[in-house]
Amino acid sequence: MRNSMKEAIGSTVQDMLNSELKSSFSKRDCNELGIEFSEISMTAEEIKAIRKKSKLSQAVFAELLNVSPSSVRQWEQGKRTPTGSTKVLLDLIKKHPHILDYRIHA
């Protein structure tokens, strides 16, 4: 497949994924079409800023994320880094600070 055609198809597929159209693409399909998923990395300072912007203590933030308070403390001290879906969740909270407010009940 010509590169220009591959890029056009890749761009279309990316637009479909971004628009939440129902579709099914395998990792191989994505690789062949040149679709990449962005890497998420955060510093201890960024994690602390995300929590502070949410106006939550470490213990409450940990409860909201369903992790231990020790994990949050260690992330903020730079002793450990979040992994997997927790990284994605932190990135979402960074972009939309109140995305998990539905979990807090009075």
C-alpha atoms as a PDB file:
ATOM      1  CA  MET A   1       0.000   0.000   0.000  1.00  0.00           C
ATOM      2  CA  ARG A   2       1.337   3.438  -0.908  1.00  0.00           C
ATOM      3  CA  ASN A   3       2.383   5.593   2.032  1.00  0.00           C
ATOM      4  CA  SER A   4      -0.030   8.411   1.165  1.00  0.00           C
ATOM      5  CA  MET A   5      -2.957   5.977   1.029  1.00  0.00           C
ATOM      6  CA  LYS A   6      -1.847   4.322   4.261  1.00  0.00           C
ATOM      7  CA  GLU A   7      -1.633   7.732   5.963  1.00  0.00           C
ATOM      8  CA  ALA A   8      -5.100   8.721   4.695  1.00  0.00           C
ATOM      9  CA  ILE A   9      -6.649   5.482   5.941  1.00  0.00           C
ATOM     10  CA  GLY A  10      -4.794   5.786   9.246  1.00  0.00           C
ATOM     11  CA  SER A  11      -6.070   9.329   9.665  1.00  0.00           C
ATOM     12  CA  THR A  12      -9.637   8.232   8.896  1.00  0.00           C
ATOM     13  CA  VAL A  13      -9.432   5.381  11.396  1.00  0.00           C
ATOM     14  CA  GLN A  14      -8.013   7.761  14.018  1.00  0.00           C
ATOM     15  CA  ASP A  15     -10.917  10.148  13.366  1.00  0.00           C
ATOM     16  CA  MET A  16     -13.342   7.238  13.779  1.00  0.00           C
ATOM     17  CA  LEU A  17     -11.774   6.291  17.105  1.00  0.00           C
ATOM     18  CA  ASN A  18     -11.832   9.925  18.276  1.00  0.00           C
ATOM     19  CA  SER A  19     -15.487  10.321  17.304  1.00  0.00           C
ATOM     20  CA  GLU A  20     -16.474   7.219  19.303  1.00  0.00           C
ATOM     21  CA  LEU A  21     -17.907   5.427  16.272  1.00  0.00           C
ATOM     22  CA  LYS A  22     -18.347   1.773  17.028  1.00  0.00           C
ATOM     23  CA  SER A  23     -15.569  -0.118  15.339  1.00  0.00           C
ATOM     24  CA  SER A  24     -13.272  -3.001  15.971  1.00  0.00           C
ATOM     25  CA  PHE A  25      -9.591  -2.672  15.171  1.00  0.00           C
ATOM     26  CA  SER A  26      -6.906  -5.050  16.295  1.00  0.00           C
ATOM     27  CA  LYS A  27      -3.518  -3.905  17.504  1.00  0.00           C
ATOM     28  CA  ARG A  28      -2.105  -5.260  14.257  1.00  0.00           C
ATOM     29  CA  ASP A  29      -4.608  -3.174  12.246  1.00  0.00           C
ATOM     30  CA  CYS A  30      -3.592  -0.074  14.168  1.00  0.00           C
ATOM     31  CA  ASN A  31       0.111  -0.806  13.678  1.00  0.00           C
ATOM     32  CA  GLU A  32      -0.320  -1.387   9.944  1.00  0.00           C
ATOM     33  CA  LEU A  33      -2.248   1.880   9.584  1.00  0.00           C
ATOM     34  CA  GLY A  34       0.315   3.843  11.583  1.00  0.00           C
ATOM     35  CA  ILE A  35      -2.043   4.613  14.472  1.00  0.00           C
ATOM     36  CA  GLU A  36      -0.142   5.288  17.660  1.00  0.00           C
ATOM     37  CA  PHE A  37      -1.280   5.653  21.243  1.00  0.00           C
ATOM     38  CA  SER A  38       0.356   8.428  23.186  1.00  0.00           C
ATOM     39  CA  GLU A  39       2.613   7.518  26.071  1.00  0.00           C
ATOM     40  CA  ILE A  40       1.630   8.913  29.457  1.00  0.00           C
ATOM     41  CA  SER A  41       4.311  10.044  31.854  1.00  0.00           C
ATOM     42  CA  MET A  42       3.934  12.175  34.952  1.00  0.00           C
ATOM     43  CA  THR A  43       6.299  13.607  37.468  1.00  0.00           C
ATOM     44  CA  ALA A  44       5.745  13.527  41.217  1.00  0.00           C
ATOM     45  CA  GLU A  45       5.027  17.265  41.075  1.00  0.00           C
ATOM     46  CA  GLU A  46       2.376  16.787  38.377  1.00  0.00           C
ATOM     47  CA  ILE A  47       0.612  14.097  40.399  1.00  0.00           C
ATOM     48  CA  LYS A  48       0.611  16.317  43.474  1.00  0.00           C
ATOM     49  CA  ALA A  49      -0.734  19.225  41.404  1.00  0.00           C
ATOM     50  CA  ILE A  50      -3.528  17.017  40.024  1.00  0.00           C
ATOM     51  CA  ARG A  51      -4.549  16.037  43.549  1.00  0.00           C
ATOM     52  CA  LYS A  52      -4.353  19.602  44.859  1.00  0.00           C
ATOM     53  CA  LYS A  53      -6.403  20.913  41.929  1.00  0.00           C
ATOM     54  CA  SER A  54      -9.036  18.360  42.926  1.00  0.00           C
ATOM     55  CA  LYS A  55      -8.860  19.843  46.457  1.00  0.00           C
ATOM     56  CA  LEU A  56      -8.540  16.424  48.079  1.00  0.00           C
ATOM     57  CA  SER A  57      -6.278  14.995  50.777  1.00  0.00           C
ATOM     58  CA  GLN A  58      -4.002  12.105  49.863  1.00  0.00           C
ATOM     59  CA  ALA A  59      -6.301   9.679  51.705  1.00  0.00           C
ATOM     60  CA  VAL A  60      -9.459  10.846  49.913  1.00  0.00           C
ATOM     61  CA  PHE A  61      -7.674  10.982  46.546  1.00  0.00           C
ATOM     62  CA  ALA A  62      -6.456   7.409  47.125  1.00  0.00           C
ATOM     63  CA  GLU A  63     -10.010   6.304  47.944  1.00  0.00           C
ATOM     64  CA  LEU A  64     -11.281   7.963  44.776  1.00  0.00           C
ATOM     65  CA  LEU A  65      -8.637   6.190  42.666  1.00  0.00           C
ATOM     66  CA  ASN A  66      -9.122   2.904  44.552  1.00  0.00           C
ATOM     67  CA  VAL A  67      -5.451   2.736  45.559  1.00  0.00           C
ATOM     68  CA  SER A  68      -3.752   2.878  48.935  1.00  0.00           C
ATOM     69  CA  PRO A  69      -2.868   6.222  50.551  1.00  0.00           C
ATOM     70  CA  SER A  70       0.698   4.905  50.647  1.00  0.00           C
ATOM     71  CA  SER A  71       0.716   4.666  46.839  1.00  0.00           C
ATOM     72  CA  VAL A  72      -0.382   8.290  46.459  1.00  0.00           C
ATOM     73  CA  ARG A  73       2.226   9.410  49.018  1.00  0.00           C
ATOM     74  CA  GLN A  74       4.995   7.482  47.239  1.00  0.00           C
ATOM     75  CA  TRP A  75       3.959   8.853  43.823  1.00  0.00           C
ATOM     76  CA  GLU A  76       4.064  12.403  45.155  1.00  0.00           C
ATOM     77  CA  GLN A  77       7.478  11.778  46.747  1.00  0.00           C
ATOM     78  CA  GLY A  78       8.834  10.312  43.514  1.00  0.00           C
ATOM     79  CA  LYS A  79       9.563   6.945  45.142  1.00  0.00           C
ATOM     80  CA  ARG A  80       7.157   5.097  42.834  1.00  0.00           C
ATOM     81  CA  THR A  81       5.263   5.864  39.664  1.00  0.00           C
ATOM     82  CA  PRO A  82       1.697   4.903  38.808  1.00  0.00           C
ATOM     83  CA  THR A  83       1.280   2.174  36.221  1.00  0.00           C
ATOM     84  CA  GLY A  84      -1.297   0.859  33.799  1.00  0.00           C
ATOM     85  CA  SER A  85      -4.831   2.120  34.043  1.00  0.00           C
ATOM     86  CA  THR A  86      -3.972   4.335  37.024  1.00  0.00           C
ATOM     87  CA  LYS A  87      -1.712   6.409  34.744  1.00  0.00           C
ATOM     88  CA  VAL A  88      -4.551   6.776  32.264  1.00  0.00           C
ATOM     89  CA  LEU A  89      -6.972   7.716  35.042  1.00  0.00           C
ATOM     90  CA  LEU A  90      -4.579  10.355  36.400  1.00  0.00           C
ATOM     91  CA  ASP A  91      -4.194  11.763  32.897  1.00  0.00           C
ATOM     92  CA  LEU A  92      -7.985  11.995  32.581  1.00  0.00           C
ATOM     93  CA  ILE A  93      -8.237  13.743  35.956  1.00  0.00           C
ATOM     94  CA  LYS A  94      -5.520  16.154  34.838  1.00  0.00           C
ATOM     95  CA  LYS A  95      -7.596  17.076  31.780  1.00  0.00           C
ATOM     96  CA  HIS A  96     -10.991  16.941  33.556  1.00  0.00           C
ATOM     97  CA  PRO A  97     -10.459  17.516  37.306  1.00  0.00           C
ATOM     98  CA  HIS A  98     -14.038  16.655  38.277  1.00  0.00           C
ATOM     99  CA  ILE A  99     -14.476  13.537  36.145  1.00  0.00           C
ATOM    100  CA  LEU A 100     -14.732  11.297  39.227  1.00  0.00           C
ATOM    101  CA  ASP A 101     -16.982  13.563  41.290  1.00  0.00           C
ATOM    102  CA  TYR A 102     -19.851  11.127  40.661  1.00  0.00           C
ATOM    103  CA  ARG A 103     -18.102   8.714  43.057  1.00  0.00           C
ATOM    104  CA  ILE A 104     -18.390  11.139  45.982  1.00  0.00           C
ATOM    105  CA  HIS A 105     -21.736  10.989  47.813  1.00  0.00           C
ATOM    106  CA  ALA A 106     -22.968  13.165  50.665  1.00  0.00           C
END
